[in-house]
Amino acid sequence: MLNVFTLDNGRLSGRPLQDDDLDNPDALADVRPVWVDLESPSAAEKRWIASRFGLTIPDDIVDDDLEESARFYEEDNGELHIRSDFLIDDDITPRNVRVAFILHNKVLFSIHDEDLPVFRLLRLRARRIPALIEDAKDVLLKLYDADAEYSADALEGIYDALEKVSEQVLKQQVSDQEAGAVLSAVAKEEDLNGRIRRNVMDTRRAVSFMMRSRMLNAEQFEEARQILRDIDSLDSHTAFLFDKINFLMDATVGFININQNKIIKIFSVASVALLPPTLIASIYGMNFKGIPELDWALGYPYALGLMVVSIAAPFIYFRRKGWLR
């Protein structure tokens, strides 16, 4: 999918490229775009970009195995290349999606494999707010600004989820089934928190690169500094959430250990309580002359009663000590 965005009375308006236009290099010749967004571009769309704008898009431009030096660089002809990760806070599979940006002849080209919430948010804002975007560099900065806000919203979601988990963990008793559900929920939030931290780190690097490249004017430079300040504020939140997640996991594992210790305690008490009747049974099972079974008619009932008493006495003692609770 290929969308071409232009500025119309200070607002960003998009126009998708039709399939019939792919074979016509002069399609949209009257349009002066500031942003060209390509989602999973086909070979025909890449050829149209090459013929219309003179830009060749490599097939591996959004691969994840790129070297660090290939993520931010500037060509000799002035093309600026930036590759960044953007967060998708999906309830099923939260993930980071690689996006490649190319700033070529005052037009921003973005290439990615999935539709991103940050991109949808920027398109919605730019249509409603006049003069929000003035050129291609503004589009890139606003994308990173929206990405920081999206990460902050995701962190708020983690706060809410952990608050519900805390109510389960900090109650008086936690069963093994509840502890398993808590560990699963905490692990999910820990994974999302780690992805947010990676996302804001990547955004910080990209914005810092833009500032070092001296491509921004004074107003854009100040906006980039504000984005970095927002990202710095998010770092403290992610660090706090990591500590809170570790506390909840330790507390949950502690409850699991307590439940297991209760089971082990029952076996320990039972084994100790059964030692006296076992001793009595062993003595009365010995083969020697004069045992009650031979000289006393009530020998067997006496032995069985003595075994019952030897079992009851330890349990009564353990109960008074509180060891059976």
Protein backbone atom coordinates (compact mmCIF):
# COMPACT_ATOMS: atom_id res chain seq x y z
CA MET A 1 0.00 0.00 0.00
CA LEU A 2 1.31 3.42 -0.98
CA ASN A 3 -0.07 6.71 0.33
CA VAL A 4 1.08 10.14 -0.76
CA PHE A 5 0.56 13.00 1.71
CA THR A 6 0.53 16.67 0.81
CA LEU A 7 -0.11 19.90 2.68
CA ASP A 8 -3.53 21.37 1.94
CA ASN A 9 -4.12 24.74 3.64
CA GLY A 10 -1.78 23.77 6.44
CA ARG A 11 -3.36 20.34 6.95
CA LEU A 12 -1.95 16.98 5.96
CA SER A 13 -4.08 15.16 3.41
CA GLY A 14 -3.41 11.70 2.02
CA ARG A 15 -4.03 10.23 -1.38
CA PRO A 16 -3.57 6.49 -2.01
CA LEU A 17 -1.91 5.43 -5.24
CA GLN A 18 -4.24 3.39 -7.42
CA ASP A 19 -3.14 0.20 -9.17
CA ASP A 20 -3.74 1.82 -12.55
CA ASP A 21 -1.17 4.50 -11.73
CA LEU A 22 1.70 2.10 -11.05
CA ASP A 23 2.67 1.83 -14.71
CA ASN A 24 2.50 5.60 -15.20
CA PRO A 25 5.58 7.43 -13.87
CA ASP A 26 3.77 10.74 -14.39
CA ALA A 27 0.92 9.79 -12.08
CA LEU A 28 0.32 12.45 -9.43
CA ALA A 29 2.75 14.70 -11.32
CA ASP A 30 0.87 17.75 -10.10
CA VAL A 31 1.26 16.69 -6.48
CA ARG A 32 4.09 18.02 -4.30
CA PRO A 33 4.21 15.53 -1.43
CA VAL A 34 5.93 15.97 1.90
CA TRP A 35 5.45 12.35 2.99
CA VAL A 36 5.19 9.08 1.08
CA ASP A 37 4.20 6.12 3.26
CA LEU A 38 4.74 2.57 2.00
CA GLU A 39 3.25 -0.35 3.89
CA SER A 40 4.57 -3.71 2.65
CA PRO A 41 5.43 -2.16 -0.75
CA SER A 42 5.23 -4.35 -3.83
CA ALA A 43 7.83 -4.47 -6.57
CA ALA A 44 5.55 -2.37 -8.81
CA GLU A 45 5.23 0.32 -6.14
CA LYS A 46 9.01 0.42 -5.66
CA ARG A 47 9.47 0.83 -9.42
CA TRP A 48 6.98 3.69 -9.42
CA ILE A 49 8.90 5.39 -6.59
CA ALA A 50 12.14 4.98 -8.53
CA SER A 51 10.67 6.47 -11.73
CA ARG A 52 8.68 9.22 -10.01
CA PHE A 53 11.21 10.37 -7.37
CA GLY A 54 14.48 8.81 -8.48
CA LEU A 55 14.80 6.85 -5.24
CA THR A 56 15.75 3.16 -5.15
CA ILE A 57 14.38 1.25 -2.17
CA PRO A 58 16.37 -1.92 -1.31
CA ASP A 59 14.48 -5.14 -0.62
CA ASP A 60 16.18 -5.60 2.78
CA ILE A 61 15.59 -2.08 4.03
CA VAL A 62 13.51 -3.17 7.04
CA ASP A 63 15.44 -6.33 7.91
CA ASP A 64 16.22 -6.83 11.59
CA ASP A 65 19.79 -8.03 11.08
CA LEU A 66 21.21 -4.66 10.08
CA GLU A 67 24.43 -3.49 11.65
CA GLU A 68 24.25 -0.64 14.13
CA SER A 69 26.20 1.61 11.77
CA ALA A 70 23.53 1.15 9.09
CA ARG A 71 20.67 2.45 11.22
CA PHE A 72 21.53 6.16 11.06
CA TYR A 73 23.61 7.62 8.27
CA GLU A 74 23.66 10.33 5.59
CA GLU A 75 24.52 9.74 1.95
CA ASP A 76 26.91 11.91 -0.04
CA ASN A 77 23.96 13.26 -2.03
CA GLY A 78 22.27 14.47 1.16
CA GLU A 79 19.84 11.58 1.63
CA LEU A 80 19.17 10.90 5.28
CA HIS A 81 18.54 7.29 6.34
CA ILE A 82 17.04 6.41 9.71
CA ARG A 83 15.76 3.03 10.87
CA SER A 84 13.70 2.99 14.04
CA ASP A 85 11.51 0.57 15.99
CA PHE A 86 7.91 1.54 16.76
CA LEU A 87 5.77 -0.12 19.40
CA ILE A 88 2.48 -1.93 18.77
CA ASP A 89 0.71 -2.46 22.11
CA ASP A 90 -1.41 -5.40 21.03
CA ASP A 91 -3.39 -7.29 23.69
CA ILE A 92 -2.30 -10.59 22.14
CA THR A 93 1.28 -10.05 20.94
CA PRO A 94 2.93 -6.70 21.79
CA ARG A 95 5.87 -6.15 19.46
CA ASN A 96 8.31 -3.67 17.97
CA VAL A 97 8.10 -3.05 14.23
CA ARG A 98 11.06 -1.78 12.21
CA VAL A 99 10.45 1.34 10.11
CA ALA A 100 12.91 2.76 7.57
CA PHE A 101 12.88 6.51 6.89
CA ILE A 102 14.54 8.16 3.92
CA LEU A 103 14.61 11.94 3.58
CA HIS A 104 15.12 12.54 -0.14
CA ASN A 105 14.68 15.90 -1.91
CA LYS A 106 12.58 17.33 0.94
CA VAL A 107 10.24 14.33 0.86
CA LEU A 108 10.04 11.83 3.70
CA PHE A 109 9.67 8.18 2.66
CA SER A 110 8.63 5.64 5.32
CA ILE A 111 8.74 1.90 4.69
CA HIS A 112 7.27 -0.69 7.07
CA ASP A 113 5.50 -4.06 7.01
CA GLU A 114 2.58 -3.31 9.35
CA ASP A 115 0.18 -0.47 9.94
CA LEU A 116 1.31 1.39 13.05
CA PRO A 117 -0.85 3.16 15.67
CA VAL A 118 1.61 6.06 15.80
CA PHE A 119 1.18 6.69 12.08
CA ARG A 120 -2.60 6.61 12.38
CA LEU A 121 -2.42 9.05 15.30
CA LEU A 122 -0.29 11.51 13.35
CA ARG A 123 -2.56 11.37 10.30
CA LEU A 124 -5.58 12.07 12.50
CA ARG A 125 -3.93 15.01 14.25
CA ALA A 126 -2.52 16.52 11.07
CA ARG A 127 -5.96 16.52 9.43
CA ARG A 128 -7.57 18.25 12.40
CA ILE A 129 -4.89 20.70 13.52
CA PRO A 130 -3.83 23.34 10.98
CA ALA A 131 -0.16 24.30 10.60
CA LEU A 132 0.94 21.29 12.62
CA ILE A 133 3.31 20.22 9.84
CA GLU A 134 5.26 22.48 7.51
CA ASP A 135 7.75 20.16 5.85
CA ALA A 136 9.05 16.57 5.77
CA LYS A 137 11.27 17.04 8.81
CA ASP A 138 8.23 18.10 10.81
CA VAL A 139 6.55 14.83 9.84
CA LEU A 140 9.50 12.85 11.19
CA LEU A 141 9.64 14.82 14.43
CA LYS A 142 5.89 14.54 14.96
CA LEU A 143 6.11 10.79 14.45
CA TYR A 144 8.73 10.50 17.18
CA ASP A 145 6.70 12.82 19.41
CA ALA A 146 3.60 10.66 18.92
CA ASP A 147 5.71 7.57 19.57
CA ALA A 148 6.78 8.95 22.96
CA GLU A 149 3.14 9.68 23.83
CA TYR A 150 2.08 6.21 22.70
CA SER A 151 4.77 4.67 24.92
CA ALA A 152 3.53 6.77 27.84
CA ASP A 153 -0.03 5.50 27.27
CA ALA A 154 1.27 1.93 27.20
CA LEU A 155 3.04 2.53 30.52
CA GLU A 156 -0.22 3.76 32.04
CA GLY A 157 -1.82 0.52 30.90
CA ILE A 158 0.92 -1.42 32.70
CA TYR A 159 0.27 0.59 35.88
CA ASP A 160 -3.44 -0.31 35.73
CA ALA A 161 -2.72 -3.98 35.06
CA LEU A 162 -0.21 -4.24 37.91
CA GLU A 163 -2.64 -2.56 40.29
CA LYS A 164 -5.14 -5.36 39.64
CA VAL A 165 -2.39 -7.94 40.11
CA SER A 166 -1.36 -6.32 43.41
CA GLU A 167 -4.90 -6.73 44.75
CA GLN A 168 -4.65 -10.47 44.10
CA VAL A 169 -1.15 -10.91 45.49
CA LEU A 170 -1.51 -8.80 48.63
CA LYS A 171 -4.65 -10.48 49.94
CA GLN A 172 -4.45 -12.90 52.87
CA GLN A 173 -4.11 -16.19 50.99
CA VAL A 174 -3.17 -17.00 47.39
CA SER A 175 -3.86 -20.44 45.93
CA ASP A 176 -1.53 -22.13 43.47
CA GLN A 177 -3.99 -21.52 40.63
CA GLU A 178 -4.20 -17.81 41.45
CA ALA A 179 -0.43 -17.62 41.76
CA GLY A 180 -0.02 -19.17 38.31
CA ALA A 181 -2.41 -16.63 36.80
CA VAL A 182 -0.55 -13.80 38.56
CA LEU A 183 2.83 -14.97 37.26
CA SER A 184 1.44 -15.16 33.73
CA ALA A 185 0.02 -11.62 33.94
CA VAL A 186 3.21 -10.21 35.48
CA ALA A 187 5.38 -11.87 32.83
CA LYS A 188 3.24 -10.33 30.10
CA GLU A 189 3.55 -6.85 31.58
CA GLU A 190 7.29 -7.31 32.07
CA ASP A 191 7.69 -8.16 28.39
CA LEU A 192 5.69 -5.09 27.37
CA ASN A 193 7.69 -2.87 29.72
CA GLY A 194 10.92 -4.14 28.21
CA ARG A 195 9.67 -3.42 24.70
CA ILE A 196 8.68 0.10 25.74
CA ARG A 197 12.13 0.68 27.18
CA ARG A 198 13.72 -0.54 23.96
CA ASN A 199 11.37 1.63 21.93
CA VAL A 200 12.13 4.86 23.81
CA MET A 201 15.85 4.09 23.69
CA ASP A 202 15.67 3.75 19.91
CA THR A 203 13.63 6.96 19.63
CA ARG A 204 16.20 8.82 21.73
CA ARG A 205 19.00 7.66 19.43
CA ALA A 206 17.10 8.71 16.30
CA VAL A 207 16.21 12.17 17.63
CA SER A 208 19.78 12.69 18.84
CA PHE A 209 21.06 11.78 15.39
CA MET A 210 18.75 14.34 13.81
CA MET A 211 20.04 17.00 16.19
CA ARG A 212 23.68 16.13 15.50
CA SER A 213 23.17 16.14 11.73
CA ARG A 214 22.21 19.85 11.86
CA MET A 215 19.23 19.28 9.62
CA LEU A 216 16.78 21.01 11.96
CA ASN A 217 16.00 24.68 12.23
CA ALA A 218 15.85 26.46 15.59
CA GLU A 219 12.18 25.68 16.23
CA GLN A 220 12.55 22.04 15.24
CA PHE A 221 15.70 21.72 17.34
CA GLU A 222 13.82 22.93 20.40
CA GLU A 223 11.01 20.48 19.67
CA ALA A 224 13.56 17.66 19.44
CA ARG A 225 14.96 18.67 22.84
CA GLN A 226 11.44 18.52 24.29
CA ILE A 227 10.99 15.01 22.88
CA LEU A 228 14.23 13.94 24.57
CA ARG A 229 13.02 15.40 27.87
CA ASP A 230 9.76 13.45 27.55
CA ILE A 231 11.71 10.27 26.87
CA ASP A 232 13.93 10.88 29.92
CA SER A 233 10.81 11.11 32.08
CA LEU A 234 9.65 7.75 30.73
CA ASP A 235 12.89 6.06 31.77
CA SER A 236 12.19 6.56 35.46
CA HIS A 237 8.72 5.05 35.03
CA THR A 238 10.04 1.96 33.26
CA ALA A 239 12.67 1.49 36.00
CA PHE A 240 9.99 1.78 38.70
CA LEU A 241 7.79 -0.72 36.89
CA PHE A 242 10.66 -3.19 36.64
CA ASP A 243 11.11 -2.96 40.43
CA LYS A 244 7.38 -3.36 41.03
CA ILE A 245 7.21 -6.36 38.69
CA ASN A 246 10.14 -8.00 40.48
CA PHE A 247 8.45 -7.41 43.86
CA LEU A 248 5.18 -8.97 42.67
CA MET A 249 6.99 -11.95 41.20
CA ASP A 250 8.98 -12.49 44.41
CA ALA A 251 5.82 -12.18 46.52
CA THR A 252 3.94 -14.62 44.31
CA VAL A 253 6.78 -17.14 44.37
CA GLY A 254 6.86 -16.72 48.16
CA PHE A 255 3.17 -17.66 48.39
CA ILE A 256 3.81 -20.70 46.21
CA ASN A 257 6.63 -21.75 48.54
CA ILE A 258 4.36 -21.27 51.55
CA ASN A 259 1.69 -23.50 49.99
CA GLN A 260 4.30 -26.14 49.22
CA ASN A 261 5.70 -25.93 52.74
CA LYS A 262 2.22 -26.57 54.10
CA ILE A 263 2.05 -29.79 52.13
CA ILE A 264 5.52 -30.86 53.24
CA LYS A 265 4.58 -30.02 56.85
CA ILE A 266 1.61 -32.38 56.68
CA PHE A 267 3.82 -35.24 55.53
CA SER A 268 6.42 -34.41 58.18
CA VAL A 269 3.85 -34.37 60.98
CA ALA A 270 2.25 -37.58 59.71
CA SER A 271 5.59 -39.38 59.52
CA VAL A 272 6.51 -38.33 63.08
CA ALA A 273 3.07 -39.27 64.42
CA LEU A 274 3.23 -42.72 62.86
CA LEU A 275 6.58 -43.61 64.42
CA PRO A 276 5.15 -44.77 67.81
CA PRO A 277 2.53 -47.15 66.36
CA THR A 278 5.15 -48.49 64.00
CA LEU A 279 7.42 -49.19 66.97
CA ILE A 280 4.59 -50.91 68.84
CA ALA A 281 3.69 -53.00 65.81
CA SER A 282 7.34 -53.98 65.44
CA ILE A 283 7.62 -55.05 69.08
CA TYR A 284 4.44 -57.10 69.01
CA GLY A 285 5.41 -58.66 65.74
CA MET A 286 8.58 -60.17 67.16
CA ASN A 287 8.62 -63.97 67.47
CA PHE A 288 9.52 -64.70 71.12
CA LYS A 289 7.85 -66.45 74.04
CA GLY A 290 5.60 -64.52 76.36
CA ILE A 291 4.07 -61.95 74.04
CA PRO A 292 0.47 -60.97 74.95
CA GLU A 293 -0.98 -62.66 71.90
CA LEU A 294 -0.04 -66.04 73.35
CA ASP A 295 -0.50 -65.48 77.12
CA TRP A 296 -3.39 -62.92 77.06
CA ALA A 297 -6.70 -63.27 75.21
CA LEU A 298 -7.04 -59.48 74.78
CA GLY A 299 -3.50 -59.09 73.50
CA TYR A 300 -4.45 -58.05 69.97
CA PRO A 301 -7.13 -55.48 71.00
CA TYR A 302 -4.69 -54.11 73.58
CA ALA A 303 -1.96 -53.73 70.98
CA LEU A 304 -4.32 -52.05 68.49
CA GLY A 305 -5.64 -49.69 71.16
CA LEU A 306 -2.14 -48.79 72.22
CA MET A 307 -1.29 -47.99 68.60
CA VAL A 308 -4.34 -45.70 68.31
CA VAL A 309 -3.39 -43.91 71.53
CA SER A 310 0.19 -43.48 70.31
CA ILE A 311 -1.13 -41.86 67.13
CA ALA A 312 -3.64 -39.58 68.88
CA ALA A 313 -1.23 -38.28 71.50
CA PRO A 314 1.26 -36.70 69.03
CA PHE A 315 -1.55 -35.13 66.96
CA ILE A 316 -3.08 -33.58 70.08
CA TYR A 317 0.31 -32.19 71.03
CA PHE A 318 0.95 -30.86 67.51
CA ARG A 319 -2.48 -29.24 67.45
CA ARG A 320 -1.86 -27.41 70.72
CA LYS A 321 1.45 -26.18 69.34
CA GLY A 322 -0.31 -24.89 66.22
CA TRP A 323 1.74 -27.00 63.86
CA LEU A 324 -1.34 -28.35 62.06
CA ARG A 325 -2.72 -24.94 61.05
